[in-house]
Amino acid sequence: MYNKNEIASYKTRLDDDKECIYKYYVIETNKEMDVDGKKLSVSCYGIDVISELYEKGKLCSSFEDSINYLTPFLGKVLKLIDYLKDNGVSPLHLIDIAGEYADEWVGDFDIEVYLERGEISAAV
């Protein structure tokens, strides 16, 4: 499964003829995990950011970056997208900002495995 839905956008004017639009998407996918020697598919969420540079109303260039597996908890990703939008974070800086959250949220997958299985185990 792979779904991508636009959640927010941010527009900034660079000069009279140029503007840049950042589009923020939530990615919904599955992460395959090995838990106690068994494969487990966990629904998870990530972020995709696209910048589009327009000159005189015409698309000149675009750039995209994403993190597919941030957390199994949608609410966390939606709050992070709001933060990225409010601060006009470009795809170029996505990893700088969201990478810290990814590091903090890595344990969320163990929590999700616990919620699904009802037992504590080491997920890889």
C-alpha atoms as a PDB file:
ATOM      1  CA  MET A   1       0.000   0.000   0.000  1.00  0.00           C
ATOM      2  CA  TYR A   2       1.205   3.497  -0.803  1.00  0.00           C
ATOM      3  CA  ASN A   3      -0.992   6.583  -0.551  1.00  0.00           C
ATOM      4  CA  LYS A   4       0.091  10.207  -0.740  1.00  0.00           C
ATOM      5  CA  ASN A   5      -2.260  13.069   0.137  1.00  0.00           C
ATOM      6  CA  GLU A   6      -1.553  16.799   0.080  1.00  0.00           C
ATOM      7  CA  ILE A   7      -2.132  18.288   3.507  1.00  0.00           C
ATOM      8  CA  ALA A   8      -0.797  21.847   3.267  1.00  0.00           C
ATOM      9  CA  SER A   9       1.057  24.306   1.088  1.00  0.00           C
ATOM     10  CA  TYR A  10       3.187  27.409   1.585  1.00  0.00           C
ATOM     11  CA  LYS A  11       3.773  30.136  -1.005  1.00  0.00           C
ATOM     12  CA  THR A  12       6.549  32.709  -0.995  1.00  0.00           C
ATOM     13  CA  ARG A  13       7.285  35.417  -3.549  1.00  0.00           C
ATOM     14  CA  LEU A  14      10.963  35.674  -4.455  1.00  0.00           C
ATOM     15  CA  ASP A  15      10.595  38.798  -6.612  1.00  0.00           C
ATOM     16  CA  ASP A  16       8.029  40.327  -8.974  1.00  0.00           C
ATOM     17  CA  ASP A  17       8.291  37.481 -11.479  1.00  0.00           C
ATOM     18  CA  LYS A  18       9.176  34.477  -9.295  1.00  0.00           C
ATOM     19  CA  GLU A  19       7.381  32.564  -6.596  1.00  0.00           C
ATOM     20  CA  CYS A  20       7.981  29.276  -4.872  1.00  0.00           C
ATOM     21  CA  ILE A  21       5.291  26.932  -3.614  1.00  0.00           C
ATOM     22  CA  TYR A  22       6.035  24.196  -1.089  1.00  0.00           C
ATOM     23  CA  LYS A  23       3.548  21.330  -0.947  1.00  0.00           C
ATOM     24  CA  TYR A  24       3.428  19.035   2.063  1.00  0.00           C
ATOM     25  CA  TYR A  25       2.068  15.503   1.763  1.00  0.00           C
ATOM     26  CA  VAL A  26       1.400  12.714   4.218  1.00  0.00           C
ATOM     27  CA  ILE A  27       2.520   9.316   2.963  1.00  0.00           C
ATOM     28  CA  GLU A  28       0.667   6.221   4.150  1.00  0.00           C
ATOM     29  CA  THR A  29       2.449   2.932   3.589  1.00  0.00           C
ATOM     30  CA  ASN A  30       3.360  -0.354   5.260  1.00  0.00           C
ATOM     31  CA  LYS A  31       6.679  -1.207   6.857  1.00  0.00           C
ATOM     32  CA  GLU A  32       7.690  -4.838   6.888  1.00  0.00           C
ATOM     33  CA  MET A  33       9.298  -5.755  10.213  1.00  0.00           C
ATOM     34  CA  ASP A  34      10.902  -8.901  11.519  1.00  0.00           C
ATOM     35  CA  VAL A  35       9.525  -9.651  14.982  1.00  0.00           C
ATOM     36  CA  ASP A  36      10.804 -12.746  16.734  1.00  0.00           C
ATOM     37  CA  GLY A  37      11.561 -14.330  13.349  1.00  0.00           C
ATOM     38  CA  LYS A  38       8.125 -13.567  11.928  1.00  0.00           C
ATOM     39  CA  LYS A  39       7.246 -10.936   9.323  1.00  0.00           C
ATOM     40  CA  LEU A  40       4.837  -8.260  10.499  1.00  0.00           C
ATOM     41  CA  SER A  41       3.410  -5.500   8.319  1.00  0.00           C
ATOM     42  CA  VAL A  42       2.874  -2.255  10.231  1.00  0.00           C
ATOM     43  CA  SER A  43       0.913   0.667   8.802  1.00  0.00           C
ATOM     44  CA  CYS A  44       3.006   3.799   9.021  1.00  0.00           C
ATOM     45  CA  TYR A  45       3.202   7.394   7.902  1.00  0.00           C
ATOM     46  CA  GLY A  46       5.817   9.640   6.407  1.00  0.00           C
ATOM     47  CA  ILE A  47       6.205  13.053   4.795  1.00  0.00           C
ATOM     48  CA  ASP A  48       6.884  14.209   1.258  1.00  0.00           C
ATOM     49  CA  VAL A  49       7.722  17.843   0.442  1.00  0.00           C
ATOM     50  CA  ILE A  50       7.774  19.290  -3.062  1.00  0.00           C
ATOM     51  CA  SER A  51       8.988  22.743  -4.028  1.00  0.00           C
ATOM     52  CA  GLU A  52       7.838  24.266  -7.292  1.00  0.00           C
ATOM     53  CA  LEU A  53       9.532  27.364  -8.662  1.00  0.00           C
ATOM     54  CA  TYR A  54       7.396  29.496 -10.969  1.00  0.00           C
ATOM     55  CA  GLU A  55       8.640  32.321 -13.163  1.00  0.00           C
ATOM     56  CA  LYS A  56       5.996  34.539 -14.750  1.00  0.00           C
ATOM     57  CA  GLY A  57       3.400  31.922 -13.835  1.00  0.00           C
ATOM     58  CA  LYS A  58       5.188  29.029 -15.541  1.00  0.00           C
ATOM     59  CA  LEU A  59       6.728  26.101 -13.690  1.00  0.00           C
ATOM     60  CA  CYS A  60      10.529  26.326 -14.088  1.00  0.00           C
ATOM     61  CA  SER A  61      11.739  23.639 -11.734  1.00  0.00           C
ATOM     62  CA  SER A  62      10.713  21.362  -8.921  1.00  0.00           C
ATOM     63  CA  PHE A  63      12.499  19.443  -6.201  1.00  0.00           C
ATOM     64  CA  GLU A  64      11.195  16.718  -3.909  1.00  0.00           C
ATOM     65  CA  ASP A  65      12.353  14.883  -0.821  1.00  0.00           C
ATOM     66  CA  SER A  66      10.598  12.502   1.530  1.00  0.00           C
ATOM     67  CA  ILE A  67      10.863  10.277   4.560  1.00  0.00           C
ATOM     68  CA  ASN A  68       8.608   7.265   4.054  1.00  0.00           C
ATOM     69  CA  TYR A  69       8.715   5.648   7.497  1.00  0.00           C
ATOM     70  CA  LEU A  70       8.446   8.178  10.340  1.00  0.00           C
ATOM     71  CA  THR A  71       5.917   6.650  12.731  1.00  0.00           C
ATOM     72  CA  PRO A  72       2.815   4.455  12.848  1.00  0.00           C
ATOM     73  CA  PHE A  73       0.922   7.368  14.459  1.00  0.00           C
ATOM     74  CA  LEU A  74      -0.761   9.723  11.969  1.00  0.00           C
ATOM     75  CA  GLY A  75      -1.309  12.521  14.504  1.00  0.00           C
ATOM     76  CA  LYS A  76       2.433  12.985  14.987  1.00  0.00           C
ATOM     77  CA  VAL A  77       3.014  13.329  11.248  1.00  0.00           C
ATOM     78  CA  LEU A  78       0.162  15.824  10.850  1.00  0.00           C
ATOM     79  CA  LYS A  79       1.582  18.007  13.639  1.00  0.00           C
ATOM     80  CA  LEU A  80       5.014  17.860  12.037  1.00  0.00           C
ATOM     81  CA  ILE A  81       3.564  18.878   8.664  1.00  0.00           C
ATOM     82  CA  ASP A  82       1.932  21.892  10.351  1.00  0.00           C
ATOM     83  CA  TYR A  83       5.296  22.827  11.845  1.00  0.00           C
ATOM     84  CA  LEU A  84       7.065  22.466   8.480  1.00  0.00           C
ATOM     85  CA  LYS A  85       4.415  24.573   6.732  1.00  0.00           C
ATOM     86  CA  ASP A  86       4.357  27.272   9.409  1.00  0.00           C
ATOM     87  CA  ASN A  87       8.129  27.618   9.057  1.00  0.00           C
ATOM     88  CA  GLY A  88       8.270  27.325   5.255  1.00  0.00           C
ATOM     89  CA  VAL A  89      10.598  24.329   5.332  1.00  0.00           C
ATOM     90  CA  SER A  90      11.762  23.339   1.852  1.00  0.00           C
ATOM     91  CA  PRO A  91      12.518  19.791   0.675  1.00  0.00           C
ATOM     92  CA  LEU A  92      16.185  20.731   0.851  1.00  0.00           C
ATOM     93  CA  HIS A  93      15.901  21.052   4.646  1.00  0.00           C
ATOM     94  CA  LEU A  94      13.369  18.275   5.287  1.00  0.00           C
ATOM     95  CA  ILE A  95      15.968  15.804   6.554  1.00  0.00           C
ATOM     96  CA  ASP A  96      17.597  18.458   8.763  1.00  0.00           C
ATOM     97  CA  ILE A  97      14.305  19.120  10.549  1.00  0.00           C
ATOM     98  CA  ALA A  98      12.282  15.896  10.294  1.00  0.00           C
ATOM     99  CA  GLY A  99      15.316  13.647  10.742  1.00  0.00           C
ATOM    100  CA  GLU A 100      15.452  14.612  14.416  1.00  0.00           C
ATOM    101  CA  TYR A 101      11.827  13.541  14.813  1.00  0.00           C
ATOM    102  CA  ALA A 102      12.528  10.280  12.968  1.00  0.00           C
ATOM    103  CA  ASP A 103      15.287   9.540  15.471  1.00  0.00           C
ATOM    104  CA  GLU A 104      12.950  10.273  18.396  1.00  0.00           C
ATOM    105  CA  TRP A 105      10.042   8.290  16.956  1.00  0.00           C
ATOM    106  CA  VAL A 106      11.889   5.089  16.037  1.00  0.00           C
ATOM    107  CA  GLY A 107      10.525   3.484  19.229  1.00  0.00           C
ATOM    108  CA  ASP A 108       6.964   4.085  18.020  1.00  0.00           C
ATOM    109  CA  PHE A 109       7.251   0.978  15.857  1.00  0.00           C
ATOM    110  CA  ASP A 110       7.953  -1.156  18.944  1.00  0.00           C
ATOM    111  CA  ILE A 111       4.896   0.400  20.611  1.00  0.00           C
ATOM    112  CA  GLU A 112       2.759  -0.417  17.570  1.00  0.00           C
ATOM    113  CA  VAL A 113       4.009  -4.015  17.576  1.00  0.00           C
ATOM    114  CA  TYR A 114       3.081  -4.224  21.270  1.00  0.00           C
ATOM    115  CA  LEU A 115      -0.383  -2.799  20.564  1.00  0.00           C
ATOM    116  CA  GLU A 116      -0.947  -5.288  17.725  1.00  0.00           C
ATOM    117  CA  ARG A 117       0.484  -8.359  19.462  1.00  0.00           C
ATOM    118  CA  GLY A 118      -0.163  -7.552  23.120  1.00  0.00           C
ATOM    119  CA  GLU A 119       3.372  -8.526  24.110  1.00  0.00           C
ATOM    120  CA  ILE A 120       6.752  -6.934  24.289  1.00  0.00           C
ATOM    121  CA  SER A 121       9.299  -8.117  21.758  1.00  0.00           C
ATOM    122  CA  ALA A 122      12.240  -6.720  19.854  1.00  0.00           C
ATOM    123  CA  ALA A 123      11.245  -5.449  16.417  1.00  0.00           C
ATOM    124  CA  VAL A 124      13.931  -5.129  13.772  1.00  0.00           C
END
